[in-house]
PDB file of all heavy atoms in Angstrom:
ATOM      1  N   LEU A   1      10.699  -3.332 -23.569  1.00  0.00           N
ATOM      2  CA  LEU A   1      10.258  -2.144 -24.286  1.00  0.00           C
ATOM      3  C   LEU A   1      10.744  -2.163 -25.736  1.00  0.00           C
ATOM      4  O   LEU A   1       9.992  -1.861 -26.668  1.00  0.00           O
ATOM      5  CB  LEU A   1      10.779  -0.900 -23.566  1.00  0.00           C
ATOM      6  CG  LEU A   1      10.281   0.470 -24.028  1.00  0.00           C
ATOM      7  CD1 LEU A   1       8.762   0.549 -23.973  1.00  0.00           C
ATOM      8  CD2 LEU A   1      10.896   1.566 -23.169  1.00  0.00           C
ATOM      9  N   ARG A   2      12.008  -2.539 -25.926  1.00  0.00           N
ATOM     10  CA  ARG A   2      12.544  -2.631 -27.299  1.00  0.00           C
ATOM     11  C   ARG A   2      11.838  -3.729 -28.081  1.00  0.00           C
ATOM     12  O   ARG A   2      11.634  -3.606 -29.298  1.00  0.00           O
ATOM     13  CB  ARG A   2      14.057  -2.892 -27.264  1.00  0.00           C
ATOM     14  CG  ARG A   2      14.871  -1.718 -26.748  1.00  0.00           C
ATOM     15  CD  ARG A   2      16.358  -1.910 -27.027  1.00  0.00           C
ATOM     16  NE  ARG A   2      16.932  -3.047 -26.319  1.00  0.00           N
ATOM     17  CZ  ARG A   2      17.411  -3.003 -25.090  1.00  0.00           C
ATOM     18  NH1 ARG A   2      17.363  -1.872 -24.395  1.00  0.00           N
ATOM     19  NH2 ARG A   2      17.938  -4.083 -24.525  1.00  0.00           N
ATOM     20  N   LYS A   3      11.463  -4.788 -27.388  1.00  0.00           N
ATOM     21  CA  LYS A   3      10.804  -5.918 -28.042  1.00  0.00           C
ATOM     22  C   LYS A   3       9.466  -5.499 -28.648  1.00  0.00           C
ATOM     23  O   LYS A   3       9.074  -6.011 -29.703  1.00  0.00           O
ATOM     24  CB  LYS A   3      10.600  -7.044 -27.026  1.00  0.00           C
ATOM     25  CG  LYS A   3      10.415  -8.410 -27.630  1.00  0.00           C
ATOM     26  CD  LYS A   3      10.437  -9.491 -26.561  1.00  0.00           C
ATOM     27  CE  LYS A   3      10.240 -10.868 -27.175  1.00  0.00           C
ATOM     28  NZ  LYS A   3      10.244 -11.933 -26.145  1.00  0.00           N
ATOM     29  N   GLN A   4       8.758  -4.579 -27.995  1.00  0.00           N
ATOM     30  CA  GLN A   4       7.481  -4.108 -28.545  1.00  0.00           C
ATOM     31  C   GLN A   4       7.648  -2.817 -29.354  1.00  0.00           C
ATOM     32  O   GLN A   4       6.662  -2.161 -29.703  1.00  0.00           O
ATOM     33  CB  GLN A   4       6.455  -3.911 -27.432  1.00  0.00           C
ATOM     34  CG  GLN A   4       6.646  -2.679 -26.563  1.00  0.00           C
ATOM     35  CD  GLN A   4       5.442  -2.429 -25.663  1.00  0.00           C
ATOM     36  OE1 GLN A   4       4.897  -3.341 -25.053  1.00  0.00           O
ATOM     37  NE2 GLN A   4       4.999  -1.188 -25.588  1.00  0.00           N
ATOM     38  N   LYS A   5       8.923  -2.458 -29.633  1.00  0.00           N
ATOM     39  CA  LYS A   5       9.263  -1.293 -30.465  1.00  0.00           C
ATOM     40  C   LYS A   5       8.667  -0.005 -29.904  1.00  0.00           C
ATOM     41  O   LYS A   5       8.072   0.811 -30.621  1.00  0.00           O
ATOM     42  CB  LYS A   5       8.812  -1.520 -31.909  1.00  0.00           C
ATOM     43  CG  LYS A   5       9.425  -2.746 -32.573  1.00  0.00           C
ATOM     44  CD  LYS A   5       9.062  -2.838 -34.032  1.00  0.00           C
ATOM     45  CE  LYS A   5       9.557  -4.137 -34.665  1.00  0.00           C
ATOM     46  NZ  LYS A   5      10.997  -4.362 -34.471  1.00  0.00           N
ATOM     47  N   GLY A   6       8.828   0.136 -28.587  1.00  0.00           N
ATOM     48  CA  GLY A   6       8.324   1.324 -27.920  1.00  0.00           C
ATOM     49  C   GLY A   6       9.420   2.094 -27.210  1.00  0.00           C
ATOM     50  O   GLY A   6      10.554   1.619 -27.072  1.00  0.00           O
ATOM     51  N   CYS A   7       9.096   3.295 -26.772  1.00  0.00           N
ATOM     52  CA  CYS A   7       9.998   4.132 -25.974  1.00  0.00           C
ATOM     53  C   CYS A   7       9.178   4.746 -24.841  1.00  0.00           C
ATOM     54  O   CYS A   7       7.987   5.023 -25.002  1.00  0.00           O
ATOM     55  CB  CYS A   7      10.614   5.242 -26.821  1.00  0.00           C
ATOM     56  SG  CYS A   7      11.805   4.670 -28.053  1.00  0.00           S
ATOM     57  N   CYS A   8       9.805   4.958 -23.690  1.00  0.00           N
ATOM     58  CA  CYS A   8       9.087   5.498 -22.541  1.00  0.00           C
ATOM     59  C   CYS A   8       9.520   6.933 -22.264  1.00  0.00           C
ATOM     60  O   CYS A   8      10.665   7.323 -22.517  1.00  0.00           O
ATOM     61  CB  CYS A   8       9.305   4.633 -21.305  1.00  0.00           C
ATOM     62  SG  CYS A   8      11.002   4.627 -20.692  1.00  0.00           S
ATOM     63  N   ASN A   9       8.584   7.707 -21.713  1.00  0.00           N
ATOM     64  CA  ASN A   9       8.868   9.095 -21.344  1.00  0.00           C
ATOM     65  C   ASN A   9       9.108   9.256 -19.849  1.00  0.00           C
ATOM     66  O   ASN A   9       9.681  10.247 -19.420  1.00  0.00           O
ATOM     67  CB  ASN A   9       7.699   9.996 -21.756  1.00  0.00           C
ATOM     68  CG  ASN A   9       7.678  10.267 -23.253  1.00  0.00           C
ATOM     69  OD1 ASN A   9       8.501  11.016 -23.762  1.00  0.00           O
ATOM     70  ND2 ASN A   9       6.747   9.626 -23.956  1.00  0.00           N
ATOM     71  N   LYS A  10       8.646   8.263 -19.064  1.00  0.00           N
ATOM     72  CA  LYS A  10       8.765   8.357 -17.613  1.00  0.00           C
ATOM     73  C   LYS A  10       9.230   7.030 -17.021  1.00  0.00           C
ATOM     74  O   LYS A  10       9.032   5.970 -17.620  1.00  0.00           O
ATOM     75  CB  LYS A  10       7.417   8.738 -16.982  1.00  0.00           C
ATOM     76  CG  LYS A  10       6.856  10.071 -17.413  1.00  0.00           C
ATOM     77  CD  LYS A  10       5.500  10.314 -16.772  1.00  0.00           C
ATOM     78  CE  LYS A  10       4.903  11.647 -17.220  1.00  0.00           C
ATOM     79  NZ  LYS A  10       3.564  11.872 -16.621  1.00  0.00           N
ATOM     80  N   ILE A  11       9.822   7.105 -15.830  1.00  0.00           N
ATOM     81  CA  ILE A  11      10.217   5.908 -15.103  1.00  0.00           C
ATOM     82  C   ILE A  11       9.882   6.088 -13.631  1.00  0.00           C
ATOM     83  O   ILE A  11      10.095   7.162 -13.060  1.00  0.00           O
ATOM     84  CB  ILE A  11      11.724   5.600 -15.283  1.00  0.00           C
ATOM     85  CG1 ILE A  11      12.106   4.295 -14.561  1.00  0.00           C
ATOM     86  CG2 ILE A  11      12.591   6.750 -14.787  1.00  0.00           C
ATOM     87  CD1 ILE A  11      13.503   3.815 -14.881  1.00  0.00           C
ATOM     88  N   THR A  12       9.295   5.066 -13.031  1.00  0.00           N
ATOM     89  CA  THR A  12       8.996   5.059 -11.605  1.00  0.00           C
ATOM     90  C   THR A  12       9.787   3.947 -10.936  1.00  0.00           C
ATOM     91  O   THR A  12       9.831   2.822 -11.441  1.00  0.00           O
ATOM     92  CB  THR A  12       7.490   4.842 -11.347  1.00  0.00           C
ATOM     93  OG1 THR A  12       6.759   5.937 -11.889  1.00  0.00           O
ATOM     94  CG2 THR A  12       7.191   4.724  -9.857  1.00  0.00           C
ATOM     95  N   VAL A  13      10.406   4.250  -9.824  1.00  0.00           N
ATOM     96  CA  VAL A  13      11.131   3.261  -9.018  1.00  0.00           C
ATOM     97  C   VAL A  13      10.501   3.244  -7.626  1.00  0.00           C
ATOM     98  O   VAL A  13      10.209   4.308  -7.063  1.00  0.00           O
ATOM     99  CB  VAL A  13      12.636   3.597  -8.927  1.00  0.00           C
ATOM    100  CG1 VAL A  13      13.343   2.651  -7.958  1.00  0.00           C
ATOM    101  CG2 VAL A  13      13.272   3.523 -10.305  1.00  0.00           C
ATOM    102  N   PHE A  14      10.272   2.041  -7.089  1.00  0.00           N
ATOM    103  CA  PHE A  14       9.682   1.952  -5.752  1.00  0.00           C
ATOM    104  C   PHE A  14      10.403   0.904  -4.906  1.00  0.00           C
ATOM    105  O   PHE A  14      11.039  -0.021  -5.429  1.00  0.00           O
ATOM    106  CB  PHE A  14       8.187   1.631  -5.829  1.00  0.00           C
ATOM    107  CG  PHE A  14       7.856   0.277  -6.388  1.00  0.00           C
ATOM    108  CD1 PHE A  14       7.814  -0.854  -5.577  1.00  0.00           C
ATOM    109  CD2 PHE A  14       7.579   0.118  -7.740  1.00  0.00           C
ATOM    110  CE1 PHE A  14       7.509  -2.106  -6.100  1.00  0.00           C
ATOM    111  CE2 PHE A  14       7.269  -1.127  -8.280  1.00  0.00           C
ATOM    112  CZ  PHE A  14       7.242  -2.240  -7.446  1.00  0.00           C
ATOM    113  N   LEU A  15      10.293   1.063  -3.597  1.00  0.00           N
ATOM    114  CA  LEU A  15      10.833   0.126  -2.620  1.00  0.00           C
ATOM    115  C   LEU A  15       9.754  -0.189  -1.597  1.00  0.00           C
ATOM    116  O   LEU A  15       8.947   0.685  -1.253  1.00  0.00           O
ATOM    117  CB  LEU A  15      12.047   0.722  -1.889  1.00  0.00           C
ATOM    118  CG  LEU A  15      13.304   1.025  -2.706  1.00  0.00           C
ATOM    119  CD1 LEU A  15      14.289   1.806  -1.854  1.00  0.00           C
ATOM    120  CD2 LEU A  15      13.951  -0.260  -3.220  1.00  0.00           C
ATOM    121  N   ASN A  16       9.724  -1.432  -1.105  1.00  0.00           N
ATOM    122  CA  ASN A  16       8.788  -1.820  -0.053  1.00  0.00           C
ATOM    123  C   ASN A  16       9.529  -2.572   1.044  1.00  0.00           C
ATOM    124  O   ASN A  16      10.334  -3.458   0.739  1.00  0.00           O
ATOM    125  CB  ASN A  16       7.673  -2.724  -0.587  1.00  0.00           C
ATOM    126  CG  ASN A  16       6.711  -1.982  -1.495  1.00  0.00           C
ATOM    127  OD1 ASN A  16       6.611  -0.763  -1.445  1.00  0.00           O
ATOM    128  ND2 ASN A  16       5.998  -2.725  -2.334  1.00  0.00           N
ATOM    129  N   THR A  17       9.257  -2.242   2.288  1.00  0.00           N
ATOM    130  CA  THR A  17       9.749  -3.051   3.393  1.00  0.00           C
ATOM    131  C   THR A  17       8.789  -4.215   3.606  1.00  0.00           C
ATOM    132  O   THR A  17       7.741  -4.296   2.967  1.00  0.00           O
ATOM    133  CB  THR A  17       9.856  -2.210   4.677  1.00  0.00           C
ATOM    134  OG1 THR A  17       8.625  -1.500   4.869  1.00  0.00           O
ATOM    135  CG2 THR A  17      11.008  -1.210   4.582  1.00  0.00           C
ATOM    136  N   ASN A  18       9.131  -5.120   4.505  1.00  0.00           N
ATOM    137  CA  ASN A  18       8.331  -6.321   4.752  1.00  0.00           C
ATOM    138  C   ASN A  18       7.177  -5.996   5.695  1.00  0.00           C
ATOM    139  O   ASN A  18       7.370  -5.773   6.885  1.00  0.00           O
ATOM    140  CB  ASN A  18       9.215  -7.425   5.351  1.00  0.00           C
ATOM    141  CG  ASN A  18       8.526  -8.781   5.316  1.00  0.00           C
ATOM    142  OD1 ASN A  18       7.303  -8.870   5.298  1.00  0.00           O
ATOM    143  ND2 ASN A  18       9.319  -9.838   5.302  1.00  0.00           N
ATOM    144  N   ARG A  19       5.963  -5.966   5.162  1.00  0.00           N
ATOM    145  CA  ARG A  19       4.799  -5.589   5.975  1.00  0.00           C
ATOM    146  C   ARG A  19       4.441  -6.631   7.024  1.00  0.00           C
ATOM    147  O   ARG A  19       3.688  -6.354   7.965  1.00  0.00           O
ATOM    148  CB  ARG A  19       3.588  -5.311   5.081  1.00  0.00           C
ATOM    149  CG  ARG A  19       3.124  -6.473   4.231  1.00  0.00           C
ATOM    150  CD  ARG A  19       2.070  -6.029   3.229  1.00  0.00           C
ATOM    151  NE  ARG A  19       1.663  -7.091   2.339  1.00  0.00           N
ATOM    152  CZ  ARG A  19       0.658  -7.925   2.574  1.00  0.00           C
ATOM    153  NH1 ARG A  19      -0.048  -7.788   3.677  1.00  0.00           N
ATOM    154  NH2 ARG A  19       0.347  -8.869   1.694  1.00  0.00           N
ATOM    155  N   PHE A  20       4.975  -7.861   6.868  1.00  0.00           N
ATOM    156  CA  PHE A  20       4.690  -8.904   7.850  1.00  0.00           C
ATOM    157  C   PHE A  20       5.584  -8.797   9.084  1.00  0.00           C
ATOM    158  O   PHE A  20       5.304  -9.407  10.108  1.00  0.00           O
ATOM    159  CB  PHE A  20       4.861 -10.289   7.216  1.00  0.00           C
ATOM    160  CG  PHE A  20       3.831 -10.597   6.157  1.00  0.00           C
ATOM    161  CD1 PHE A  20       4.181 -10.623   4.819  1.00  0.00           C
ATOM    162  CD2 PHE A  20       2.513 -10.837   6.492  1.00  0.00           C
ATOM    163  CE1 PHE A  20       3.241 -10.898   3.836  1.00  0.00           C
ATOM    164  CE2 PHE A  20       1.563 -11.103   5.529  1.00  0.00           C
ATOM    165  CZ  PHE A  20       1.926 -11.133   4.190  1.00  0.00           C
ATOM    166  N   LYS A  21       6.650  -8.030   8.986  1.00  0.00           N
ATOM    167  CA  LYS A  21       7.550  -7.833  10.124  1.00  0.00           C
ATOM    168  C   LYS A  21       7.203  -6.501  10.783  1.00  0.00           C
ATOM    169  O   LYS A  21       7.792  -5.454  10.513  1.00  0.00           O
ATOM    170  CB  LYS A  21       9.002  -7.868   9.666  1.00  0.00           C
ATOM    171  CG  LYS A  21       9.436  -9.234   9.137  1.00  0.00           C
ATOM    172  CD  LYS A  21      10.920  -9.261   8.775  1.00  0.00           C
ATOM    173  CE  LYS A  21      11.334 -10.663   8.292  1.00  0.00           C
ATOM    174  NZ  LYS A  21      12.759 -10.717   7.921  1.00  0.00           N
ATOM    175  N   LYS A  22       6.235  -6.560  11.680  1.00  0.00           N
ATOM    176  CA  LYS A  22       5.684  -5.355  12.292  1.00  0.00           C
ATOM    177  C   LYS A  22       6.701  -4.627  13.160  1.00  0.00           C
ATOM    178  O   LYS A  22       6.600  -3.407  13.368  1.00  0.00           O
ATOM    179  CB  LYS A  22       4.461  -5.727  13.141  1.00  0.00           C
ATOM    180  CG  LYS A  22       3.361  -6.469  12.385  1.00  0.00           C
ATOM    181  CD  LYS A  22       2.743  -5.610  11.291  1.00  0.00           C
ATOM    182  CE  LYS A  22       1.583  -6.333  10.605  1.00  0.00           C
ATOM    183  NZ  LYS A  22       1.006  -5.538   9.511  1.00  0.00           N
ATOM    184  N   ASN A  23       7.680  -5.367  13.705  1.00  0.00           N
ATOM    185  CA  ASN A  23       8.657  -4.752  14.600  1.00  0.00           C
ATOM    186  C   ASN A  23       9.708  -3.932  13.849  1.00  0.00           C
ATOM    187  O   ASN A  23      10.421  -3.125  14.447  1.00  0.00           O
ATOM    188  CB  ASN A  23       9.350  -5.821  15.452  1.00  0.00           C
ATOM    189  CG  ASN A  23       8.379  -6.521  16.388  1.00  0.00           C
ATOM    190  OD1 ASN A  23       7.407  -5.910  16.843  1.00  0.00           O
ATOM    191  ND2 ASN A  23       8.623  -7.793  16.686  1.00  0.00           N
ATOM    192  N   ASN A  24       9.832  -4.181  12.541  1.00  0.00           N
ATOM    193  CA  ASN A  24      10.787  -3.420  11.730  1.00  0.00           C
ATOM    194  C   ASN A  24      10.152  -2.102  11.264  1.00  0.00           C
ATOM    195  O   ASN A  24       8.933  -1.994  11.130  1.00  0.00           O
ATOM    196  CB  ASN A  24      11.228  -4.217  10.507  1.00  0.00           C
ATOM    197  CG  ASN A  24      12.089  -5.411  10.880  1.00  0.00           C
ATOM    198  OD1 ASN A  24      12.438  -5.589  12.036  1.00  0.00           O
ATOM    199  ND2 ASN A  24      12.428  -6.230   9.906  1.00  0.00           N
ATOM    200  N   GLY A  25      10.993  -1.125  10.983  1.00  0.00           N
ATOM    201  CA  GLY A  25      10.490   0.124  10.439  1.00  0.00           C
ATOM    202  C   GLY A  25       9.887  -0.077   9.065  1.00  0.00           C
ATOM    203  O   GLY A  25      10.398  -0.870   8.265  1.00  0.00           O
TER     204      GLY A  25
END
């Protein structure tokens, strides 16, 4: 972001479990 001389107003954080492991939650 600093490299393109910009600033952000929002931030999103996400998590994903392993969709190939069907037995896991």
